[in-house]
Amino acid sequence: MLARPRRARCTECGVTHVLLPVQWLLRRADAVVVIGAALTAKAAGVGFRRIAGRLGRPAETVRGWLRRFGERVEAVRRLVTVLLRAVAVDPVIPAPAGGAWADALAVIGAAVAAAIGRFGVLGVPSWVWVSAVSGGRLLAPGWPA
């Protein structure tokens, strides 16, 4: 499913802006749950060609997602750990999961569980929560700063 975001004009400055739904990441034509499935599969040790075949996406596209996330996996883990500590009433930081990718995904899972437990946000996919937390910039250049 490809995104076709709406545009809106700011009443104060007159500039138009793209209104991106939380299910989408900046500069990506695929939904965040599809990209998240690829990142999860990579953490489990699956190669990018097999991931692309499973998701029905071009191999180069999937490789691009994985490379971009791989460049920032440690920064994402640190940022989500801080969020976990802020959201959880009694935060439990996940034990090392066997690599940078697995560690980052374990912290993301713990942070999502803490948000659900504290705020009762049910039915929201984990990767949509990650998109919201990153402002849609999970794979965008310059994030996290």
N, C-alpha and C. Protein backbone atom coordinates (compact mmCIF):
# COMPACT_ATOMS: atom_id res chain seq x y z
N MET A 1 0.84 -1.18 0.00
CA MET A 1 0.00 0.00 0.00
C MET A 1 0.88 1.23 0.00
N LEU A 2 0.74 2.07 -0.97
CA LEU A 2 1.55 3.27 -1.08
C LEU A 2 0.82 4.46 -0.48
N ALA A 3 1.58 5.37 0.07
CA ALA A 3 1.01 6.55 0.72
C ALA A 3 0.76 7.66 -0.29
N ARG A 4 -0.30 8.37 -0.08
CA ARG A 4 -0.58 9.58 -0.86
C ARG A 4 -1.00 10.65 0.15
N PRO A 5 -0.02 11.27 0.81
CA PRO A 5 -0.36 12.21 1.89
C PRO A 5 -1.02 13.49 1.36
N ARG A 6 -1.79 14.12 2.24
CA ARG A 6 -2.43 15.38 1.92
C ARG A 6 -1.48 16.54 2.17
N ARG A 7 -1.81 17.67 1.60
CA ARG A 7 -1.06 18.89 1.84
C ARG A 7 -1.99 19.89 2.52
N ALA A 8 -1.41 20.77 3.32
CA ALA A 8 -2.18 21.82 3.98
C ALA A 8 -1.37 23.11 3.95
N ARG A 9 -2.06 24.22 3.94
CA ARG A 9 -1.41 25.53 3.94
C ARG A 9 -1.49 26.13 5.33
N CYS A 10 -0.36 26.57 5.84
CA CYS A 10 -0.29 27.21 7.15
C CYS A 10 -0.98 28.57 7.06
N THR A 11 -1.89 28.84 7.99
CA THR A 11 -2.61 30.11 7.96
C THR A 11 -1.73 31.29 8.36
N GLU A 12 -0.66 31.03 9.11
CA GLU A 12 0.21 32.11 9.55
C GLU A 12 1.26 32.50 8.52
N CYS A 13 1.94 31.49 7.95
CA CYS A 13 3.05 31.80 7.04
C CYS A 13 2.71 31.56 5.57
N GLY A 14 1.62 30.87 5.30
CA GLY A 14 1.21 30.62 3.92
C GLY A 14 1.94 29.50 3.21
N VAL A 15 2.84 28.82 3.89
CA VAL A 15 3.62 27.74 3.30
C VAL A 15 2.81 26.45 3.36
N THR A 16 2.94 25.61 2.32
CA THR A 16 2.25 24.33 2.35
C THR A 16 3.12 23.28 3.04
N HIS A 17 2.47 22.35 3.70
CA HIS A 17 3.15 21.28 4.41
C HIS A 17 2.47 19.96 4.06
N VAL A 18 3.26 18.89 4.05
CA VAL A 18 2.72 17.55 3.84
C VAL A 18 2.24 17.03 5.19
N LEU A 19 1.02 16.52 5.23
CA LEU A 19 0.45 15.94 6.44
C LEU A 19 0.61 14.43 6.35
N LEU A 20 1.57 13.91 7.07
CA LEU A 20 1.92 12.50 6.98
C LEU A 20 1.26 11.71 8.11
N PRO A 21 0.45 10.70 7.80
CA PRO A 21 -0.15 9.88 8.85
C PRO A 21 0.95 9.15 9.64
N VAL A 22 0.65 8.82 10.87
CA VAL A 22 1.64 8.19 11.74
C VAL A 22 2.05 6.80 11.24
N GLN A 23 1.27 6.20 10.36
CA GLN A 23 1.61 4.87 9.85
C GLN A 23 2.72 4.92 8.80
N TRP A 24 3.20 6.08 8.46
CA TRP A 24 4.19 6.23 7.39
C TRP A 24 5.43 6.94 7.93
N LEU A 25 6.57 6.63 7.35
CA LEU A 25 7.82 7.30 7.67
C LEU A 25 8.14 8.31 6.59
N LEU A 26 8.85 9.36 6.96
CA LEU A 26 9.28 10.35 5.98
C LEU A 26 10.12 9.69 4.90
N ARG A 27 9.89 10.10 3.67
CA ARG A 27 10.67 9.67 2.51
C ARG A 27 10.57 8.18 2.21
N ARG A 28 9.54 7.52 2.69
CA ARG A 28 9.34 6.09 2.44
C ARG A 28 7.95 5.86 1.87
N ALA A 29 7.86 5.01 0.87
CA ALA A 29 6.58 4.74 0.23
C ALA A 29 5.86 3.55 0.84
N ASP A 30 6.49 2.87 1.77
CA ASP A 30 5.88 1.70 2.41
C ASP A 30 5.49 2.03 3.84
N ALA A 31 4.46 1.35 4.32
CA ALA A 31 3.99 1.56 5.69
C ALA A 31 5.07 1.15 6.68
N VAL A 32 5.06 1.78 7.84
CA VAL A 32 6.06 1.50 8.86
C VAL A 32 5.98 0.07 9.36
N VAL A 33 4.80 -0.56 9.33
CA VAL A 33 4.71 -1.96 9.78
C VAL A 33 5.44 -2.89 8.81
N VAL A 34 5.47 -2.56 7.53
CA VAL A 34 6.21 -3.36 6.55
C VAL A 34 7.71 -3.18 6.79
N ILE A 35 8.14 -1.96 6.97
CA ILE A 35 9.55 -1.69 7.23
C ILE A 35 9.96 -2.32 8.56
N GLY A 36 9.10 -2.22 9.57
CA GLY A 36 9.38 -2.85 10.86
C GLY A 36 9.50 -4.35 10.76
N ALA A 37 8.69 -4.97 9.91
CA ALA A 37 8.80 -6.42 9.70
C ALA A 37 10.16 -6.77 9.12
N ALA A 38 10.65 -5.93 8.23
CA ALA A 38 11.98 -6.16 7.65
C ALA A 38 13.06 -6.01 8.71
N LEU A 39 12.95 -5.00 9.56
CA LEU A 39 13.95 -4.79 10.61
C LEU A 39 13.92 -5.93 11.62
N THR A 40 12.74 -6.42 11.94
CA THR A 40 12.60 -7.54 12.86
C THR A 40 13.22 -8.81 12.27
N ALA A 41 12.97 -9.05 10.99
CA ALA A 41 13.54 -10.22 10.33
C ALA A 41 15.06 -10.14 10.29
N LYS A 42 15.60 -8.95 10.05
CA LYS A 42 17.05 -8.76 10.03
C LYS A 42 17.65 -9.08 11.41
N ALA A 43 16.96 -8.65 12.47
CA ALA A 43 17.45 -8.93 13.82
C ALA A 43 17.46 -10.42 14.10
N ALA A 44 16.58 -11.16 13.42
CA ALA A 44 16.53 -12.62 13.59
C ALA A 44 17.54 -13.33 12.69
N GLY A 45 18.30 -12.57 11.90
CA GLY A 45 19.35 -13.16 11.08
C GLY A 45 18.98 -13.46 9.64
N VAL A 46 17.84 -12.99 9.19
CA VAL A 46 17.41 -13.24 7.81
C VAL A 46 18.09 -12.23 6.89
N GLY A 47 18.51 -12.67 5.72
CA GLY A 47 19.17 -11.80 4.75
C GLY A 47 18.19 -10.92 4.01
N PHE A 48 18.70 -9.85 3.41
CA PHE A 48 17.82 -8.87 2.80
C PHE A 48 17.06 -9.42 1.59
N ARG A 49 17.64 -10.34 0.84
CA ARG A 49 16.93 -10.91 -0.31
C ARG A 49 15.73 -11.75 0.13
N ARG A 50 15.92 -12.55 1.16
CA ARG A 50 14.80 -13.36 1.68
C ARG A 50 13.72 -12.47 2.27
N ILE A 51 14.14 -11.41 2.97
CA ILE A 51 13.16 -10.47 3.54
C ILE A 51 12.36 -9.83 2.41
N ALA A 52 13.05 -9.41 1.37
CA ALA A 52 12.38 -8.77 0.24
C ALA A 52 11.38 -9.73 -0.41
N GLY A 53 11.76 -10.98 -0.54
CA GLY A 53 10.86 -11.97 -1.11
C GLY A 53 9.63 -12.18 -0.25
N ARG A 54 9.81 -12.24 1.07
CA ARG A 54 8.68 -12.42 1.99
C ARG A 54 7.72 -11.24 1.94
N LEU A 55 8.29 -10.02 1.82
CA LEU A 55 7.46 -8.82 1.87
C LEU A 55 6.96 -8.38 0.50
N GLY A 56 7.51 -8.99 -0.55
CA GLY A 56 7.10 -8.59 -1.89
C GLY A 56 7.60 -7.20 -2.27
N ARG A 57 8.78 -6.86 -1.79
CA ARG A 57 9.39 -5.56 -2.08
C ARG A 57 10.70 -5.78 -2.82
N PRO A 58 11.15 -4.78 -3.58
CA PRO A 58 12.45 -4.91 -4.26
C PRO A 58 13.59 -5.10 -3.25
N ALA A 59 14.53 -5.96 -3.61
CA ALA A 59 15.65 -6.25 -2.70
C ALA A 59 16.46 -5.00 -2.38
N GLU A 60 16.66 -4.13 -3.35
CA GLU A 60 17.44 -2.90 -3.10
C GLU A 60 16.71 -1.97 -2.12
N THR A 61 15.40 -1.94 -2.18
CA THR A 61 14.63 -1.13 -1.24
C THR A 61 14.81 -1.65 0.17
N VAL A 62 14.68 -2.94 0.34
CA VAL A 62 14.84 -3.54 1.66
C VAL A 62 16.27 -3.35 2.16
N ARG A 63 17.23 -3.53 1.28
CA ARG A 63 18.62 -3.32 1.69
C ARG A 63 18.85 -1.88 2.15
N GLY A 64 18.21 -0.94 1.48
CA GLY A 64 18.31 0.47 1.89
C GLY A 64 17.75 0.71 3.27
N TRP A 65 16.59 0.10 3.57
CA TRP A 65 16.02 0.23 4.92
C TRP A 65 16.98 -0.31 5.96
N LEU A 66 17.51 -1.50 5.68
CA LEU A 66 18.39 -2.16 6.65
C LEU A 66 19.68 -1.39 6.85
N ARG A 67 20.23 -0.88 5.78
CA ARG A 67 21.46 -0.08 5.91
C ARG A 67 21.21 1.17 6.73
N ARG A 68 20.12 1.87 6.42
CA ARG A 68 19.83 3.12 7.14
C ARG A 68 19.62 2.85 8.62
N PHE A 69 18.85 1.83 8.96
CA PHE A 69 18.64 1.52 10.37
C PHE A 69 19.94 1.05 11.01
N GLY A 70 20.73 0.28 10.28
CA GLY A 70 22.01 -0.19 10.81
C GLY A 70 22.97 0.94 11.14
N GLU A 71 22.88 2.03 10.42
CA GLU A 71 23.73 3.20 10.69
C GLU A 71 23.38 3.85 12.02
N ARG A 72 22.15 3.69 12.46
CA ARG A 72 21.71 4.39 13.66
C ARG A 72 21.15 3.48 14.74
N VAL A 73 21.38 2.19 14.63
CA VAL A 73 20.77 1.24 15.55
C VAL A 73 21.13 1.54 17.01
N GLU A 74 22.36 1.89 17.28
CA GLU A 74 22.76 2.18 18.65
C GLU A 74 22.13 3.47 19.16
N ALA A 75 22.04 4.48 18.31
CA ALA A 75 21.41 5.74 18.70
C ALA A 75 19.92 5.53 18.97
N VAL A 76 19.27 4.72 18.16
CA VAL A 76 17.85 4.41 18.37
C VAL A 76 17.68 3.66 19.68
N ARG A 77 18.55 2.70 19.94
CA ARG A 77 18.46 1.94 21.19
C ARG A 77 18.58 2.87 22.40
N ARG A 78 19.55 3.80 22.35
CA ARG A 78 19.74 4.74 23.46
C ARG A 78 18.51 5.64 23.64
N LEU A 79 18.00 6.16 22.54
CA LEU A 79 16.85 7.06 22.60
C LEU A 79 15.62 6.35 23.14
N VAL A 80 15.35 5.15 22.67
CA VAL A 80 14.17 4.41 23.13
C VAL A 80 14.35 3.96 24.59
N THR A 81 15.59 3.71 25.01
CA THR A 81 15.83 3.38 26.42
C THR A 81 15.47 4.56 27.31
N VAL A 82 15.83 5.76 26.89
CA VAL A 82 15.45 6.97 27.64
C VAL A 82 13.94 7.10 27.69
N LEU A 83 13.27 6.85 26.56
CA LEU A 83 11.81 6.91 26.54
C LEU A 83 11.19 5.85 27.43
N LEU A 84 11.77 4.66 27.42
CA LEU A 84 11.28 3.59 28.29
C LEU A 84 11.34 4.03 29.75
N ARG A 85 12.45 4.63 30.13
CA ARG A 85 12.60 5.08 31.52
C ARG A 85 11.62 6.19 31.85
N ALA A 86 11.27 7.02 30.86
CA ALA A 86 10.32 8.11 31.10
C ALA A 86 8.88 7.62 31.17
N VAL A 87 8.55 6.59 30.40
CA VAL A 87 7.17 6.12 30.30
C VAL A 87 6.83 5.10 31.37
N ALA A 88 7.75 4.18 31.66
CA ALA A 88 7.46 3.09 32.59
C ALA A 88 7.42 3.59 34.03
N VAL A 89 6.48 3.08 34.78
CA VAL A 89 6.38 3.42 36.19
C VAL A 89 7.58 2.84 36.94
N ASP A 90 7.88 1.58 36.66
CA ASP A 90 9.04 0.91 37.25
C ASP A 90 9.79 0.24 36.10
N PRO A 91 10.66 1.01 35.40
CA PRO A 91 11.26 0.47 34.17
C PRO A 91 12.19 -0.71 34.41
N VAL A 92 12.03 -1.69 33.54
CA VAL A 92 12.93 -2.85 33.53
C VAL A 92 13.63 -2.82 32.17
N ILE A 93 14.91 -2.51 32.20
CA ILE A 93 15.69 -2.44 30.96
C ILE A 93 15.98 -3.87 30.52
N PRO A 94 15.67 -4.20 29.27
CA PRO A 94 15.91 -5.57 28.80
C PRO A 94 17.39 -5.95 28.85
N ALA A 95 17.63 -7.21 29.14
CA ALA A 95 19.00 -7.74 29.14
C ALA A 95 19.51 -7.77 27.70
N PRO A 96 20.83 -7.81 27.52
CA PRO A 96 21.36 -7.91 26.15
C PRO A 96 20.73 -9.10 25.42
N ALA A 97 20.34 -8.85 24.16
CA ALA A 97 19.61 -9.85 23.40
C ALA A 97 20.47 -10.55 22.35
N GLY A 98 21.76 -10.22 22.30
CA GLY A 98 22.63 -10.94 21.38
C GLY A 98 23.04 -10.15 20.16
N GLY A 99 23.17 -8.86 20.27
CA GLY A 99 23.60 -8.04 19.15
C GLY A 99 22.90 -6.70 19.16
N ALA A 100 23.46 -5.75 18.43
CA ALA A 100 22.92 -4.40 18.43
C ALA A 100 21.48 -4.36 17.93
N TRP A 101 21.19 -5.07 16.83
CA TRP A 101 19.83 -5.09 16.28
C TRP A 101 18.86 -5.70 17.29
N ALA A 102 19.19 -6.84 17.82
CA ALA A 102 18.30 -7.52 18.77
C ALA A 102 18.11 -6.69 20.03
N ASP A 103 19.18 -6.03 20.49
CA ASP A 103 19.08 -5.17 21.67
C ASP A 103 18.12 -4.00 21.42
N ALA A 104 18.25 -3.37 20.25
CA ALA A 104 17.38 -2.24 19.91
C ALA A 104 15.93 -2.68 19.84
N LEU A 105 15.67 -3.82 19.22
CA LEU A 105 14.29 -4.30 19.10
C LEU A 105 13.73 -4.73 20.45
N ALA A 106 14.57 -5.26 21.33
CA ALA A 106 14.11 -5.63 22.67
C ALA A 106 13.70 -4.39 23.46
N VAL A 107 14.46 -3.32 23.34
CA VAL A 107 14.12 -2.07 24.04
C VAL A 107 12.86 -1.46 23.44
N ILE A 108 12.73 -1.52 22.12
CA ILE A 108 11.51 -1.02 21.49
C ILE A 108 10.30 -1.79 22.01
N GLY A 109 10.41 -3.10 22.07
CA GLY A 109 9.30 -3.91 22.59
C GLY A 109 8.96 -3.57 24.04
N ALA A 110 9.99 -3.36 24.86
CA ALA A 110 9.75 -3.02 26.26
C ALA A 110 9.11 -1.64 26.39
N ALA A 111 9.55 -0.69 25.57
CA ALA A 111 8.97 0.66 25.62
C ALA A 111 7.52 0.66 25.17
N VAL A 112 7.22 -0.10 24.13
CA VAL A 112 5.83 -0.21 23.67
C VAL A 112 4.97 -0.84 24.75
N ALA A 113 5.47 -1.90 25.38
CA ALA A 113 4.72 -2.56 26.45
C ALA A 113 4.50 -1.60 27.62
N ALA A 114 5.49 -0.79 27.94
CA ALA A 114 5.35 0.18 29.03
C ALA A 114 4.31 1.24 28.68
N ALA A 115 4.29 1.69 27.43
CA ALA A 115 3.31 2.69 27.01
C ALA A 115 1.89 2.11 27.07
N ILE A 116 1.74 0.87 26.64
CA ILE A 116 0.44 0.22 26.70
C ILE A 116 0.00 0.05 28.15
N GLY A 117 0.94 -0.38 28.99
CA GLY A 117 0.61 -0.58 30.40
C GLY A 117 0.26 0.71 31.12
N ARG A 118 0.92 1.78 30.78
CA ARG A 118 0.69 3.04 31.50
C ARG A 118 -0.50 3.82 30.95
N PHE A 119 -0.61 3.86 29.62
CA PHE A 119 -1.63 4.71 29.02
C PHE A 119 -2.81 3.93 28.44
N GLY A 120 -2.72 2.61 28.43
CA GLY A 120 -3.82 1.80 27.93
C GLY A 120 -4.06 1.96 26.43
N VAL A 121 -2.99 2.24 25.69
CA VAL A 121 -3.11 2.40 24.23
C VAL A 121 -3.07 1.00 23.63
N LEU A 122 -4.25 0.47 23.33
CA LEU A 122 -4.34 -0.89 22.82
C LEU A 122 -4.59 -0.88 21.32
N GLY A 123 -4.13 -1.91 20.64
CA GLY A 123 -4.41 -2.05 19.23
C GLY A 123 -3.51 -1.26 18.30
N VAL A 124 -2.53 -0.56 18.84
CA VAL A 124 -1.60 0.19 18.01
C VAL A 124 -0.37 -0.68 17.76
N PRO A 125 -0.05 -0.99 16.50
CA PRO A 125 1.13 -1.81 16.23
C PRO A 125 2.40 -1.15 16.78
N SER A 126 3.33 -1.96 17.23
CA SER A 126 4.58 -1.45 17.81
C SER A 126 5.29 -0.48 16.88
N TRP A 127 5.33 -0.80 15.60
CA TRP A 127 6.08 0.05 14.68
C TRP A 127 5.38 1.38 14.42
N VAL A 128 4.07 1.43 14.58
CA VAL A 128 3.37 2.72 14.47
C VAL A 128 3.74 3.59 15.67
N TRP A 129 3.87 2.97 16.84
CA TRP A 129 4.32 3.70 18.02
C TRP A 129 5.73 4.25 17.79
N VAL A 130 6.61 3.44 17.22
CA VAL A 130 7.99 3.89 16.94
C VAL A 130 7.97 5.05 15.95
N SER A 131 7.11 4.97 14.95
CA SER A 131 6.99 6.07 13.99
C SER A 131 6.55 7.34 14.69
N ALA A 132 5.57 7.22 15.58
CA ALA A 132 5.09 8.40 16.31
C ALA A 132 6.19 8.99 17.19
N VAL A 133 6.91 8.13 17.88
CA VAL A 133 7.98 8.59 18.77
C VAL A 133 9.09 9.30 17.99
N SER A 134 9.38 8.79 16.80
CA SER A 134 10.45 9.40 15.99
C SER A 134 9.94 10.54 15.13
N GLY A 135 8.66 10.85 15.21
CA GLY A 135 8.10 11.90 14.36
C GLY A 135 8.13 11.51 12.89
N GLY A 136 8.09 10.20 12.63
CA GLY A 136 8.16 9.71 11.26
C GLY A 136 9.57 9.70 10.68
N ARG A 137 10.56 10.00 11.50
CA ARG A 137 11.93 10.17 11.02
C ARG A 137 12.84 8.98 11.30
N LEU A 138 12.28 7.83 11.60
CA LEU A 138 13.10 6.67 11.96
C LEU A 138 14.20 6.40 10.95
N LEU A 139 13.93 6.51 9.66
CA LEU A 139 14.93 6.26 8.63
C LEU A 139 15.30 7.54 7.87
N ALA A 140 14.88 8.69 8.34
CA ALA A 140 15.17 9.95 7.67
C ALA A 140 16.58 10.44 8.01
N PRO A 141 17.21 11.16 7.09
CA PRO A 141 18.54 11.70 7.36
C PRO A 141 18.51 12.63 8.58
N GLY A 142 19.54 12.54 9.39
CA GLY A 142 19.70 13.44 10.51
C GLY A 142 18.96 13.07 11.79
N TRP A 143 18.31 11.90 11.80
CA TRP A 143 17.63 11.50 13.03
C TRP A 143 18.26 10.23 13.56
N PRO A 144 18.45 10.04 14.80
CA PRO A 144 18.33 11.06 15.85
C PRO A 144 19.55 11.96 15.87
N ALA A 145 19.32 13.18 16.22
CA ALA A 145 20.40 14.18 16.20
C ALA A 145 21.37 13.92 17.33
